[in-house]
Amino acid sequence: MQMHFTLHRTLPALLVALLLTACSNNTSITRAYVDPELKKFDYQGVLVVAVAQKASAREDFEDAFAAALAHRGVNAVPGHTLLTQSRPTAEDVLAAAKTAGLDTIMVTRYIGKSSEEVYHPGTIYYGVAPAYGVGYHTGFPGYYGYAYEVAYQQPVWTTNTTHTLVSDLYVAESKGHLWQAVSDTIQSGSSKKVREDVIKALIGNLHDQGLL
């Protein structure tokens, strides 16, 4: 892997990455930053670390993010496979990356969630019937018809729950801050769906920033 995040990859892998950025999901990147100087260098591996209260949530996210990066040719290692501590320190993470020969560290933190009430106005659906009778045989004006209501959808209120995460990419040796992205995800399904949407958006931003 070259992680300028520039990668050695085949044409099909490149096409997958390009298509990925065109896909829409429930996640938006609200802020993103890349260091123009640090991105010039080639990097040979990334340790993927998630900060979460539950060990299972941390492991699931690290596995999914590392797998998604590996699918695009990145030498990515889930943090929990090297860090057995429940709450590894910064020194633990740096030491694990060095031992594994990984020169960058991706850290993703869950910031929290917010809720917003959304109003959806009612909708009336109409049908059209021909105006038979006087003038029917006189052409279009006599056949203009009339509309009648066939269905009515009641107005409703729904609650949108938005999850916010921040992801940072660091250079292990210098501790330089290579990249950051803040993501907002509107929950439309399970926690797994939220995780997939977040990772897809983050990888799309890495690509847009020239790191993939």
C-alpha atoms as a PDB file:
ATOM      1  CA  MET A   1       0.000   0.000   0.000  1.00  0.00           C
ATOM      2  CA  GLN A   2       1.038   3.524  -0.726  1.00  0.00           C
ATOM      3  CA  MET A   3      -0.986   5.715   1.521  1.00  0.00           C
ATOM      4  CA  HIS A   4      -0.205   9.005   0.202  1.00  0.00           C
ATOM      5  CA  PHE A   5      -2.685   7.269   0.908  1.00  0.00           C
ATOM      6  CA  THR A   6      -1.972   6.598  -2.802  1.00  0.00           C
ATOM      7  CA  LEU A   7      -2.419   2.895  -3.483  1.00  0.00           C
ATOM      8  CA  HIS A   8      -1.113   0.289  -5.911  1.00  0.00           C
ATOM      9  CA  ARG A   9      -4.346  -1.099  -7.309  1.00  0.00           C
ATOM     10  CA  THR A  10      -5.913  -2.525 -10.407  1.00  0.00           C
ATOM     11  CA  LEU A  11      -8.317  -0.701 -12.703  1.00  0.00           C
ATOM     12  CA  PRO A  12     -11.388  -2.499 -11.288  1.00  0.00           C
ATOM     13  CA  ALA A  13     -10.497  -1.325  -7.782  1.00  0.00           C
ATOM     14  CA  LEU A  14     -10.167   2.230  -9.084  1.00  0.00           C
ATOM     15  CA  LEU A  15     -13.590   2.018 -10.700  1.00  0.00           C
ATOM     16  CA  VAL A  16     -15.097   0.795  -7.428  1.00  0.00           C
ATOM     17  CA  ALA A  17     -13.654   3.794  -5.609  1.00  0.00           C
ATOM     18  CA  LEU A  18     -14.983   6.193  -8.229  1.00  0.00           C
ATOM     19  CA  LEU A  19     -18.432   4.660  -8.106  1.00  0.00           C
ATOM     20  CA  LEU A  20     -18.378   4.822  -4.325  1.00  0.00           C
ATOM     21  CA  THR A  21     -18.171   8.601  -4.320  1.00  0.00           C
ATOM     22  CA  ALA A  22     -21.226   8.786  -6.541  1.00  0.00           C
ATOM     23  CA  CYS A  23     -23.342   6.615  -4.236  1.00  0.00           C
ATOM     24  CA  SER A  24     -25.707   8.414  -1.919  1.00  0.00           C
ATOM     25  CA  ASN A  25     -26.440   7.284   1.619  1.00  0.00           C
ATOM     26  CA  ASN A  26     -27.632   8.802   4.867  1.00  0.00           C
ATOM     27  CA  THR A  27     -24.256  10.254   5.870  1.00  0.00           C
ATOM     28  CA  SER A  28     -22.905  13.694   5.076  1.00  0.00           C
ATOM     29  CA  ILE A  29     -19.358  14.898   5.743  1.00  0.00           C
ATOM     30  CA  THR A  30     -19.878  18.231   7.459  1.00  0.00           C
ATOM     31  CA  ARG A  31     -16.200  19.152   7.868  1.00  0.00           C
ATOM     32  CA  ALA A  32     -13.014  17.743   6.367  1.00  0.00           C
ATOM     33  CA  TYR A  33      -9.328  18.649   6.497  1.00  0.00           C
ATOM     34  CA  VAL A  34      -6.169  17.235   4.960  1.00  0.00           C
ATOM     35  CA  ASP A  35      -2.596  18.447   5.528  1.00  0.00           C
ATOM     36  CA  PRO A  36      -1.271  19.290   2.045  1.00  0.00           C
ATOM     37  CA  GLU A  37       2.325  18.647   3.085  1.00  0.00           C
ATOM     38  CA  LEU A  38       1.865  15.352   4.926  1.00  0.00           C
ATOM     39  CA  LYS A  39      -0.278  13.891   2.130  1.00  0.00           C
ATOM     40  CA  LYS A  40       2.720  14.048  -0.218  1.00  0.00           C
ATOM     41  CA  PHE A  41       4.394  11.131   1.542  1.00  0.00           C
ATOM     42  CA  ASP A  42       3.805   7.433   0.931  1.00  0.00           C
ATOM     43  CA  TYR A  43       2.584   5.380   3.872  1.00  0.00           C
ATOM     44  CA  GLN A  44       2.679   1.644   4.222  1.00  0.00           C
ATOM     45  CA  GLY A  45      -0.130   0.706   6.578  1.00  0.00           C
ATOM     46  CA  VAL A  46      -2.874   1.941   8.893  1.00  0.00           C
ATOM     47  CA  LEU A  47      -3.969   0.832  12.342  1.00  0.00           C
ATOM     48  CA  VAL A  48      -7.750   1.302  12.571  1.00  0.00           C
ATOM     49  CA  VAL A  49      -8.885   2.311  16.066  1.00  0.00           C
ATOM     50  CA  ALA A  50     -12.410   3.071  17.273  1.00  0.00           C
ATOM     51  CA  VAL A  51     -13.192   4.762  20.577  1.00  0.00           C
ATOM     52  CA  ALA A  52     -16.429   3.356  21.998  1.00  0.00           C
ATOM     53  CA  GLN A  53     -17.908   2.487  25.382  1.00  0.00           C
ATOM     54  CA  LYS A  54     -18.727  -1.085  24.406  1.00  0.00           C
ATOM     55  CA  ALA A  55     -15.939  -3.445  23.349  1.00  0.00           C
ATOM     56  CA  SER A  56     -18.261  -5.150  20.856  1.00  0.00           C
ATOM     57  CA  ALA A  57     -19.095  -1.831  19.169  1.00  0.00           C
ATOM     58  CA  ARG A  58     -15.398  -0.968  18.967  1.00  0.00           C
ATOM     59  CA  GLU A  59     -14.488  -4.339  17.450  1.00  0.00           C
ATOM     60  CA  ASP A  60     -17.343  -4.301  14.945  1.00  0.00           C
ATOM     61  CA  PHE A  61     -16.424  -0.824  13.703  1.00  0.00           C
ATOM     62  CA  GLU A  62     -12.693  -1.580  13.496  1.00  0.00           C
ATOM     63  CA  ASP A  63     -13.322  -4.821  11.616  1.00  0.00           C
ATOM     64  CA  ALA A  64     -15.736  -3.211   9.159  1.00  0.00           C
ATOM     65  CA  PHE A  65     -13.584  -0.114   8.512  1.00  0.00           C
ATOM     66  CA  ALA A  66     -10.376  -2.152   8.115  1.00  0.00           C
ATOM     67  CA  ALA A  67     -12.135  -4.557   5.736  1.00  0.00           C
ATOM     68  CA  ALA A  68     -13.477  -1.689   3.635  1.00  0.00           C
ATOM     69  CA  LEU A  69     -10.004  -0.135   3.388  1.00  0.00           C
ATOM     70  CA  ALA A  70      -8.401  -3.509   2.633  1.00  0.00           C
ATOM     71  CA  HIS A  71     -10.944  -3.995  -0.168  1.00  0.00           C
ATOM     72  CA  ARG A  72      -9.389  -0.930  -1.777  1.00  0.00           C
ATOM     73  CA  GLY A  73      -5.839  -2.180  -1.444  1.00  0.00           C
ATOM     74  CA  VAL A  74      -4.897  -0.605   1.889  1.00  0.00           C
ATOM     75  CA  ASN A  75      -2.873  -2.575   4.437  1.00  0.00           C
ATOM     76  CA  ALA A  76      -5.358  -1.963   7.269  1.00  0.00           C
ATOM     77  CA  VAL A  77      -5.346  -3.738  10.644  1.00  0.00           C
ATOM     78  CA  PRO A  78      -8.214  -3.600  13.194  1.00  0.00           C
ATOM     79  CA  GLY A  79      -6.916  -2.136  16.446  1.00  0.00           C
ATOM     80  CA  HIS A  80      -8.437  -4.761  18.739  1.00  0.00           C
ATOM     81  CA  THR A  81      -6.312  -7.481  17.139  1.00  0.00           C
ATOM     82  CA  LEU A  82      -3.195  -5.764  18.492  1.00  0.00           C
ATOM     83  CA  LEU A  83      -4.568  -3.839  21.475  1.00  0.00           C
ATOM     84  CA  THR A  84      -6.032  -6.171  24.078  1.00  0.00           C
ATOM     85  CA  GLN A  85      -6.497  -3.455  26.707  1.00  0.00           C
ATOM     86  CA  SER A  86     -10.086  -2.308  27.285  1.00  0.00           C
ATOM     87  CA  ARG A  87      -8.918   1.299  27.184  1.00  0.00           C
ATOM     88  CA  PRO A  88      -5.548   1.534  25.433  1.00  0.00           C
ATOM     89  CA  THR A  89      -3.558   4.709  25.971  1.00  0.00           C
ATOM     90  CA  ALA A  90      -2.059   6.817  23.205  1.00  0.00           C
ATOM     91  CA  GLU A  91       1.308   5.246  23.991  1.00  0.00           C
ATOM     92  CA  ASP A  92      -0.204   1.767  23.642  1.00  0.00           C
ATOM     93  CA  VAL A  93      -1.601   2.641  20.220  1.00  0.00           C
ATOM     94  CA  LEU A  94       1.660   4.127  18.980  1.00  0.00           C
ATOM     95  CA  ALA A  95       3.626   1.116  20.213  1.00  0.00           C
ATOM     96  CA  ALA A  96       1.216  -1.328  18.543  1.00  0.00           C
ATOM     97  CA  ALA A  97       1.443   0.511  15.227  1.00  0.00           C
ATOM     98  CA  LYS A  98       5.237   0.523  15.387  1.00  0.00           C
ATOM     99  CA  THR A  99       5.428  -3.187  16.263  1.00  0.00           C
ATOM    100  CA  ALA A 100       3.151  -4.062  13.338  1.00  0.00           C
ATOM    101  CA  GLY A 101       5.036  -1.828  10.896  1.00  0.00           C
ATOM    102  CA  LEU A 102       2.029   0.459  10.373  1.00  0.00           C
ATOM    103  CA  ASP A 103       2.984   4.072   9.901  1.00  0.00           C
ATOM    104  CA  THR A 104      -0.453   5.706  10.164  1.00  0.00           C
ATOM    105  CA  ILE A 105      -3.239   5.472  12.746  1.00  0.00           C
ATOM    106  CA  MET A 106      -6.930   6.040  12.016  1.00  0.00           C
ATOM    107  CA  VAL A 107      -8.925   6.984  15.125  1.00  0.00           C
ATOM    108  CA  THR A 108     -12.727   7.287  14.989  1.00  0.00           C
ATOM    109  CA  ARG A 109     -14.734   8.620  17.925  1.00  0.00           C
ATOM    110  CA  TYR A 110     -18.480   8.622  18.472  1.00  0.00           C
ATOM    111  CA  ILE A 111     -19.446  12.159  19.517  1.00  0.00           C
ATOM    112  CA  GLY A 112     -23.139  11.615  20.209  1.00  0.00           C
ATOM    113  CA  LYS A 113     -26.605  11.829  18.717  1.00  0.00           C
ATOM    114  CA  SER A 114     -29.266  14.477  18.283  1.00  0.00           C
ATOM    115  CA  SER A 115     -32.962  14.310  17.444  1.00  0.00           C
ATOM    116  CA  GLU A 116     -35.075  16.560  15.228  1.00  0.00           C
ATOM    117  CA  GLU A 117     -38.824  16.558  14.722  1.00  0.00           C
ATOM    118  CA  VAL A 118     -39.776  16.663  11.029  1.00  0.00           C
ATOM    119  CA  TYR A 119     -43.253  17.536   9.747  1.00  0.00           C
ATOM    120  CA  HIS A 120     -44.537  15.775   6.632  1.00  0.00           C
ATOM    121  CA  PRO A 121     -47.645  17.511   5.201  1.00  0.00           C
ATOM    122  CA  GLY A 122     -50.575  15.430   4.009  1.00  0.00           C
ATOM    123  CA  THR A 123     -50.958  14.569   0.344  1.00  0.00           C
ATOM    124  CA  ILE A 124     -54.132  14.360  -1.753  1.00  0.00           C
ATOM    125  CA  TYR A 125     -54.154  12.025  -4.757  1.00  0.00           C
ATOM    126  CA  TYR A 126     -56.559  12.758  -7.621  1.00  0.00           C
ATOM    127  CA  GLY A 127     -58.124  10.843 -10.481  1.00  0.00           C
ATOM    128  CA  VAL A 128     -59.628  12.295 -13.671  1.00  0.00           C
ATOM    129  CA  ALA A 129     -63.021  11.398 -15.161  1.00  0.00           C
ATOM    130  CA  PRO A 130     -64.303  12.437 -18.598  1.00  0.00           C
ATOM    131  CA  ALA A 131     -67.083  15.043 -18.653  1.00  0.00           C
ATOM    132  CA  TYR A 132     -69.638  13.111 -20.679  1.00  0.00           C
ATOM    133  CA  GLY A 133     -72.767  14.969 -21.809  1.00  0.00           C
ATOM    134  CA  VAL A 134     -73.168  18.278 -23.519  1.00  0.00           C
ATOM    135  CA  GLY A 135     -70.279  19.075 -25.814  1.00  0.00           C
ATOM    136  CA  TYR A 136     -68.745  15.599 -25.557  1.00  0.00           C
ATOM    137  CA  HIS A 137     -68.599  15.220 -29.350  1.00  0.00           C
ATOM    138  CA  THR A 138     -67.263  18.745 -29.934  1.00  0.00           C
ATOM    139  CA  GLY A 139     -63.619  17.790 -29.402  1.00  0.00           C
ATOM    140  CA  PHE A 140     -61.198  18.513 -26.604  1.00  0.00           C
ATOM    141  CA  PRO A 141     -63.174  21.207 -24.692  1.00  0.00           C
ATOM    142  CA  GLY A 142     -66.092  18.868 -24.218  1.00  0.00           C
ATOM    143  CA  TYR A 143     -63.862  16.012 -23.042  1.00  0.00           C
ATOM    144  CA  TYR A 144     -61.707  18.048 -20.682  1.00  0.00           C
ATOM    145  CA  GLY A 145     -63.013  16.086 -17.718  1.00  0.00           C
ATOM    146  CA  TYR A 146     -62.884  16.783 -14.017  1.00  0.00           C
ATOM    147  CA  ALA A 147     -60.658  15.727 -11.141  1.00  0.00           C
ATOM    148  CA  TYR A 148     -61.872  13.880  -8.090  1.00  0.00           C
ATOM    149  CA  GLU A 149     -60.117  12.909  -4.865  1.00  0.00           C
ATOM    150  CA  VAL A 150     -59.231   9.224  -4.634  1.00  0.00           C
ATOM    151  CA  ALA A 151     -56.903   9.101  -1.631  1.00  0.00           C
ATOM    152  CA  TYR A 152     -55.619  11.272   1.181  1.00  0.00           C
ATOM    153  CA  GLN A 153     -52.456  10.728   3.204  1.00  0.00           C
ATOM    154  CA  GLN A 154     -52.608  12.235   6.674  1.00  0.00           C
ATOM    155  CA  PRO A 155     -49.863  14.659   7.765  1.00  0.00           C
ATOM    156  CA  VAL A 156     -47.403  13.100  10.205  1.00  0.00           C
ATOM    157  CA  TRP A 157     -44.500  14.037  12.439  1.00  0.00           C
ATOM    158  CA  THR A 158     -41.390  11.865  12.488  1.00  0.00           C
ATOM    159  CA  THR A 159     -38.157  12.011  14.484  1.00  0.00           C
ATOM    160  CA  ASN A 160     -34.810  12.020  12.718  1.00  0.00           C
ATOM    161  CA  THR A 161     -31.930  10.759  14.861  1.00  0.00           C
ATOM    162  CA  THR A 162     -28.518  11.954  13.714  1.00  0.00           C
ATOM    163  CA  HIS A 163     -25.265  10.321  14.860  1.00  0.00           C
ATOM    164  CA  THR A 164     -22.041  12.353  14.753  1.00  0.00           C
ATOM    165  CA  LEU A 165     -18.550  10.841  14.490  1.00  0.00           C
ATOM    166  CA  VAL A 166     -15.120  12.353  13.989  1.00  0.00           C
ATOM    167  CA  SER A 167     -12.293  10.452  12.302  1.00  0.00           C
ATOM    168  CA  ASP A 168      -8.624  11.454  12.436  1.00  0.00           C
ATOM    169  CA  LEU A 169      -5.643  10.058  10.567  1.00  0.00           C
ATOM    170  CA  TYR A 170      -2.233  10.486  12.198  1.00  0.00           C
ATOM    171  CA  VAL A 171       1.324   9.736  11.136  1.00  0.00           C
ATOM    172  CA  ALA A 172       2.616   7.356  13.798  1.00  0.00           C
ATOM    173  CA  GLU A 173       6.266   8.418  13.893  1.00  0.00           C
ATOM    174  CA  SER A 174       5.815  12.204  13.878  1.00  0.00           C
ATOM    175  CA  LYS A 175       2.293  12.222  15.396  1.00  0.00           C
ATOM    176  CA  GLY A 176       1.377  14.607  12.577  1.00  0.00           C
ATOM    177  CA  HIS A 177      -2.326  15.179  11.887  1.00  0.00           C
ATOM    178  CA  LEU A 178      -2.817  14.045   8.299  1.00  0.00           C
ATOM    179  CA  TRP A 179      -6.616  14.109   7.879  1.00  0.00           C
ATOM    180  CA  GLN A 180      -9.876  14.691   9.731  1.00  0.00           C
ATOM    181  CA  ALA A 181     -13.542  14.297   8.793  1.00  0.00           C
ATOM    182  CA  VAL A 182     -16.690  14.942  10.807  1.00  0.00           C
ATOM    183  CA  SER A 183     -19.716  12.934   9.717  1.00  0.00           C
ATOM    184  CA  ASP A 184     -23.433  13.217  10.445  1.00  0.00           C
ATOM    185  CA  THR A 185     -25.567  10.141   9.805  1.00  0.00           C
ATOM    186  CA  ILE A 186     -29.365  10.064   9.876  1.00  0.00           C
ATOM    187  CA  GLN A 187     -30.364   6.692  11.244  1.00  0.00           C
ATOM    188  CA  SER A 188     -32.550   4.775   8.814  1.00  0.00           C
ATOM    189  CA  GLY A 189     -32.083   1.262  10.126  1.00  0.00           C
ATOM    190  CA  SER A 190     -29.965  -0.833  12.460  1.00  0.00           C
ATOM    191  CA  SER A 191     -26.648   0.093  14.056  1.00  0.00           C
ATOM    192  CA  LYS A 192     -24.989  -1.993  11.352  1.00  0.00           C
ATOM    193  CA  LYS A 193     -26.625   0.163   8.657  1.00  0.00           C
ATOM    194  CA  VAL A 194     -25.422   3.336  10.395  1.00  0.00           C
ATOM    195  CA  ARG A 195     -21.892   1.896  10.569  1.00  0.00           C
ATOM    196  CA  GLU A 196     -21.940   0.984   6.872  1.00  0.00           C
ATOM    197  CA  ASP A 197     -23.159   4.466   5.892  1.00  0.00           C
ATOM    198  CA  VAL A 198     -20.475   6.161   7.992  1.00  0.00           C
ATOM    199  CA  ILE A 199     -17.641   4.040   6.612  1.00  0.00           C
ATOM    200  CA  LYS A 200     -18.809   4.499   3.026  1.00  0.00           C
ATOM    201  CA  ALA A 201     -18.850   8.277   3.477  1.00  0.00           C
ATOM    202  CA  LEU A 202     -15.447   8.373   5.206  1.00  0.00           C
ATOM    203  CA  ILE A 203     -13.805   6.302   2.485  1.00  0.00           C
ATOM    204  CA  GLY A 204     -15.457   8.518  -0.104  1.00  0.00           C
ATOM    205  CA  ASN A 205     -13.922  11.577   1.547  1.00  0.00           C
ATOM    206  CA  LEU A 206     -10.492   9.935   1.751  1.00  0.00           C
ATOM    207  CA  HIS A 207     -10.788   9.391  -1.993  1.00  0.00           C
ATOM    208  CA  ASP A 208     -11.947  12.972  -2.621  1.00  0.00           C
ATOM    209  CA  GLN A 209      -9.021  14.319  -0.578  1.00  0.00           C
ATOM    210  CA  GLY A 210      -6.554  12.333  -2.692  1.00  0.00           C
ATOM    211  CA  LEU A 211      -5.624   9.910   0.061  1.00  0.00           C
ATOM    212  CA  LEU A 212      -7.053   6.817  -1.609  1.00  0.00           C
END
